[in-house]
Amino acid sequence: MERGLPDSVQRRNAVVEVRRPGAGLVVAVEGELDHHSADLLRDALDACLAEGRYRIVVDCSALEFCDSTGLNVLLGARMAAEEAGGVIGLAGMQPAVARVFEITGAESVFPVHGTVDEALAHVAAE
């Protein structure tokens, strides 16, 4: 485990896990991302960015719900990554979560991929 990047943190109805497949960095979110749990994702993404990790994939394949608080965490991290020349890609969005991104227009500002492997390849090439 790298300093500042916990492997997994759980609170209420959410789990956030940081994985390092090869040269990539994946932050996996499971459960419900809302005002009770969004700080778990914010802390993980902030730690990644603070350590100079600006090419991140957020694995949403086990994310069942995302409210505006969770969406704002992702948008803030995206802006910070882009300011540093990086990118945050999203992978494996479930229909209910994809709908939130569609309704808000957030899908147009994130590279969204069907799988983590596709997203990792994209962020590595950016």
C-alpha atoms as a PDB file:
ATOM      1  CA  MET A   1       0.000   0.000   0.000  1.00  0.00           C
ATOM      2  CA  GLU A   2       1.315   3.431  -0.968  1.00  0.00           C
ATOM      3  CA  ARG A   3       1.361   6.153   1.651  1.00  0.00           C
ATOM      4  CA  GLY A   4      -1.827   8.207   1.470  1.00  0.00           C
ATOM      5  CA  LEU A   5      -3.696   5.725  -0.726  1.00  0.00           C
ATOM      6  CA  PRO A   6      -5.643   3.240   1.387  1.00  0.00           C
ATOM      7  CA  ASP A   7      -6.505  -0.018  -0.336  1.00  0.00           C
ATOM      8  CA  SER A   8     -10.134  -0.002   0.742  1.00  0.00           C
ATOM      9  CA  VAL A   9     -12.420   2.153   2.882  1.00  0.00           C
ATOM     10  CA  GLN A  10     -16.024   1.417   3.787  1.00  0.00           C
ATOM     11  CA  ARG A  11     -18.789   3.556   5.243  1.00  0.00           C
ATOM     12  CA  ARG A  12     -22.515   3.014   5.428  1.00  0.00           C
ATOM     13  CA  ASN A  13     -23.645   1.812   2.010  1.00  0.00           C
ATOM     14  CA  ALA A  14     -20.419   2.407   0.087  1.00  0.00           C
ATOM     15  CA  VAL A  15     -16.971   0.942  -0.362  1.00  0.00           C
ATOM     16  CA  VAL A  16     -14.113   2.693  -2.157  1.00  0.00           C
ATOM     17  CA  GLU A  17     -11.095   0.649  -3.155  1.00  0.00           C
ATOM     18  CA  VAL A  18      -7.866   1.790  -4.818  1.00  0.00           C
ATOM     19  CA  ARG A  19      -6.304  -0.764  -7.167  1.00  0.00           C
ATOM     20  CA  ARG A  20      -3.078  -0.537  -9.137  1.00  0.00           C
ATOM     21  CA  PRO A  21      -3.230  -2.875 -12.140  1.00  0.00           C
ATOM     22  CA  GLY A  22       0.133  -2.609 -13.888  1.00  0.00           C
ATOM     23  CA  ALA A  23       0.926   1.053 -14.431  1.00  0.00           C
ATOM     24  CA  GLY A  24      -2.723   2.080 -14.048  1.00  0.00           C
ATOM     25  CA  LEU A  25      -4.698   3.430 -11.136  1.00  0.00           C
ATOM     26  CA  VAL A  26      -8.298   2.395 -10.565  1.00  0.00           C
ATOM     27  CA  VAL A  27     -10.583   3.770  -7.874  1.00  0.00           C
ATOM     28  CA  ALA A  28     -13.524   1.378  -7.553  1.00  0.00           C
ATOM     29  CA  VAL A  29     -16.787   2.544  -5.994  1.00  0.00           C
ATOM     30  CA  GLU A  30     -19.364   0.067  -4.749  1.00  0.00           C
ATOM     31  CA  GLY A  31     -22.838   0.710  -3.391  1.00  0.00           C
ATOM     32  CA  GLU A  32     -24.369   4.162  -3.041  1.00  0.00           C
ATOM     33  CA  LEU A  33     -22.467   7.379  -3.596  1.00  0.00           C
ATOM     34  CA  ASP A  34     -24.389  10.103  -1.799  1.00  0.00           C
ATOM     35  CA  HIS A  35     -23.947  12.821   0.821  1.00  0.00           C
ATOM     36  CA  HIS A  36     -23.238  10.143   3.455  1.00  0.00           C
ATOM     37  CA  SER A  37     -20.444   8.460   1.513  1.00  0.00           C
ATOM     38  CA  ALA A  38     -19.110  10.900  -1.089  1.00  0.00           C
ATOM     39  CA  ASP A  39     -16.231  11.902   1.175  1.00  0.00           C
ATOM     40  CA  LEU A  40     -14.822   8.360   0.824  1.00  0.00           C
ATOM     41  CA  LEU A  41     -14.415   8.887  -2.907  1.00  0.00           C
ATOM     42  CA  ARG A  42     -13.238  12.482  -2.449  1.00  0.00           C
ATOM     43  CA  ASP A  43     -10.536  11.389  -0.001  1.00  0.00           C
ATOM     44  CA  ALA A  44      -9.321   8.600  -2.306  1.00  0.00           C
ATOM     45  CA  LEU A  45      -9.221  10.839  -5.380  1.00  0.00           C
ATOM     46  CA  ASP A  46      -7.586  13.702  -3.450  1.00  0.00           C
ATOM     47  CA  ALA A  47      -4.887  11.310  -2.192  1.00  0.00           C
ATOM     48  CA  CYS A  48      -4.242  10.062  -5.736  1.00  0.00           C
ATOM     49  CA  LEU A  49      -3.976  13.607  -7.078  1.00  0.00           C
ATOM     50  CA  ALA A  50      -1.800  14.751  -4.161  1.00  0.00           C
ATOM     51  CA  GLU A  51       0.685  12.005  -5.034  1.00  0.00           C
ATOM     52  CA  GLY A  52       0.836  13.099  -8.660  1.00  0.00           C
ATOM     53  CA  ARG A  53      -1.451  10.381 -10.029  1.00  0.00           C
ATOM     54  CA  TYR A  54      -3.408  12.316 -12.662  1.00  0.00           C
ATOM     55  CA  ARG A  55      -4.551   9.459 -14.915  1.00  0.00           C
ATOM     56  CA  ILE A  56      -7.280   7.692 -12.994  1.00  0.00           C
ATOM     57  CA  VAL A  57     -10.084   5.309 -13.881  1.00  0.00           C
ATOM     58  CA  VAL A  58     -13.135   5.269 -11.654  1.00  0.00           C
ATOM     59  CA  ASP A  59     -14.714   1.809 -11.808  1.00  0.00           C
ATOM     60  CA  CYS A  60     -18.473   2.319 -11.516  1.00  0.00           C
ATOM     61  CA  SER A  61     -19.481  -1.265 -12.298  1.00  0.00           C
ATOM     62  CA  ALA A  62     -20.666  -1.894  -8.713  1.00  0.00           C
ATOM     63  CA  LEU A  63     -22.034   1.612  -8.167  1.00  0.00           C
ATOM     64  CA  GLU A  64     -25.797   1.355  -7.716  1.00  0.00           C
ATOM     65  CA  PHE A  65     -26.672   5.002  -7.037  1.00  0.00           C
ATOM     66  CA  CYS A  66     -25.030   8.403  -7.399  1.00  0.00           C
ATOM     67  CA  ASP A  67     -26.585  11.678  -6.277  1.00  0.00           C
ATOM     68  CA  SER A  68     -25.456  15.252  -6.948  1.00  0.00           C
ATOM     69  CA  THR A  69     -22.910  15.110  -4.112  1.00  0.00           C
ATOM     70  CA  GLY A  70     -21.140  12.148  -5.694  1.00  0.00           C
ATOM     71  CA  LEU A  71     -21.346  13.757  -9.109  1.00  0.00           C
ATOM     72  CA  ASN A  72     -19.768  16.940  -7.743  1.00  0.00           C
ATOM     73  CA  VAL A  73     -16.892  14.939  -6.236  1.00  0.00           C
ATOM     74  CA  LEU A  74     -16.179  13.393  -9.635  1.00  0.00           C
ATOM     75  CA  LEU A  75     -16.453  16.743 -11.431  1.00  0.00           C
ATOM     76  CA  GLY A  76     -14.081  18.411  -8.967  1.00  0.00           C
ATOM     77  CA  ALA A  77     -11.515  15.643  -9.302  1.00  0.00           C
ATOM     78  CA  ARG A  78     -11.820  15.793 -13.102  1.00  0.00           C
ATOM     79  CA  MET A  79     -11.053  19.506 -13.088  1.00  0.00           C
ATOM     80  CA  ALA A  80      -8.038  19.022 -10.801  1.00  0.00           C
ATOM     81  CA  ALA A  81      -6.695  16.188 -12.947  1.00  0.00           C
ATOM     82  CA  GLU A  82      -7.150  18.153 -16.168  1.00  0.00           C
ATOM     83  CA  GLU A  83      -5.406  21.206 -14.707  1.00  0.00           C
ATOM     84  CA  ALA A  84      -2.401  18.941 -14.090  1.00  0.00           C
ATOM     85  CA  GLY A  85      -2.546  17.511 -17.618  1.00  0.00           C
ATOM     86  CA  GLY A  86      -4.314  14.312 -16.621  1.00  0.00           C
ATOM     87  CA  VAL A  87      -7.667  12.682 -17.119  1.00  0.00           C
ATOM     88  CA  ILE A  88     -10.279  10.815 -15.112  1.00  0.00           C
ATOM     89  CA  GLY A  89     -12.150   8.142 -17.027  1.00  0.00           C
ATOM     90  CA  LEU A  90     -15.255   6.284 -15.947  1.00  0.00           C
ATOM     91  CA  ALA A  91     -15.890   2.605 -16.578  1.00  0.00           C
ATOM     92  CA  GLY A  92     -18.756   0.142 -16.307  1.00  0.00           C
ATOM     93  CA  MET A  93     -21.605   2.497 -15.478  1.00  0.00           C
ATOM     94  CA  GLN A  94     -24.854   0.820 -14.530  1.00  0.00           C
ATOM     95  CA  PRO A  95     -28.016   2.179 -16.214  1.00  0.00           C
ATOM     96  CA  ALA A  96     -29.300   4.076 -13.146  1.00  0.00           C
ATOM     97  CA  VAL A  97     -25.974   5.869 -12.671  1.00  0.00           C
ATOM     98  CA  ALA A  98     -25.529   6.481 -16.405  1.00  0.00           C
ATOM     99  CA  ARG A  99     -28.950   8.127 -16.405  1.00  0.00           C
ATOM    100  CA  VAL A 100     -27.831  10.670 -13.779  1.00  0.00           C
ATOM    101  CA  PHE A 101     -24.838  11.550 -15.946  1.00  0.00           C
ATOM    102  CA  GLU A 102     -27.063  11.800 -19.023  1.00  0.00           C
ATOM    103  CA  ILE A 103     -29.676  14.021 -17.351  1.00  0.00           C
ATOM    104  CA  THR A 104     -27.065  16.410 -15.946  1.00  0.00           C
ATOM    105  CA  GLY A 105     -24.908  16.481 -19.075  1.00  0.00           C
ATOM    106  CA  ALA A 106     -21.909  15.201 -17.121  1.00  0.00           C
ATOM    107  CA  GLU A 107     -21.470  12.324 -19.576  1.00  0.00           C
ATOM    108  CA  SER A 108     -20.156  14.846 -22.095  1.00  0.00           C
ATOM    109  CA  VAL A 109     -17.203  15.889 -19.904  1.00  0.00           C
ATOM    110  CA  PHE A 110     -15.949  12.418 -18.919  1.00  0.00           C
ATOM    111  CA  PRO A 111     -14.549   9.704 -21.131  1.00  0.00           C
ATOM    112  CA  VAL A 112     -16.933   6.825 -20.389  1.00  0.00           C
ATOM    113  CA  HIS A 113     -15.997   3.240 -21.262  1.00  0.00           C
ATOM    114  CA  GLY A 114     -17.699  -0.113 -20.988  1.00  0.00           C
ATOM    115  CA  THR A 115     -14.830  -1.787 -19.149  1.00  0.00           C
ATOM    116  CA  VAL A 116     -11.982  -0.854 -16.857  1.00  0.00           C
ATOM    117  CA  ASP A 117      -9.466  -2.207 -19.389  1.00  0.00           C
ATOM    118  CA  GLU A 118     -10.830   0.080 -22.118  1.00  0.00           C
ATOM    119  CA  ALA A 119     -10.726   3.060 -19.754  1.00  0.00           C
ATOM    120  CA  LEU A 120      -7.162   2.257 -18.630  1.00  0.00           C
ATOM    121  CA  ALA A 121      -6.023   2.122 -22.259  1.00  0.00           C
ATOM    122  CA  HIS A 122      -7.709   5.468 -22.938  1.00  0.00           C
ATOM    123  CA  VAL A 123      -6.270   7.337 -19.948  1.00  0.00           C
ATOM    124  CA  ALA A 124      -2.798   5.934 -20.670  1.00  0.00           C
ATOM    125  CA  ALA A 125      -2.992   7.290 -24.222  1.00  0.00           C
ATOM    126  CA  GLU A 126      -4.189  10.768 -23.207  1.00  0.00           C
END
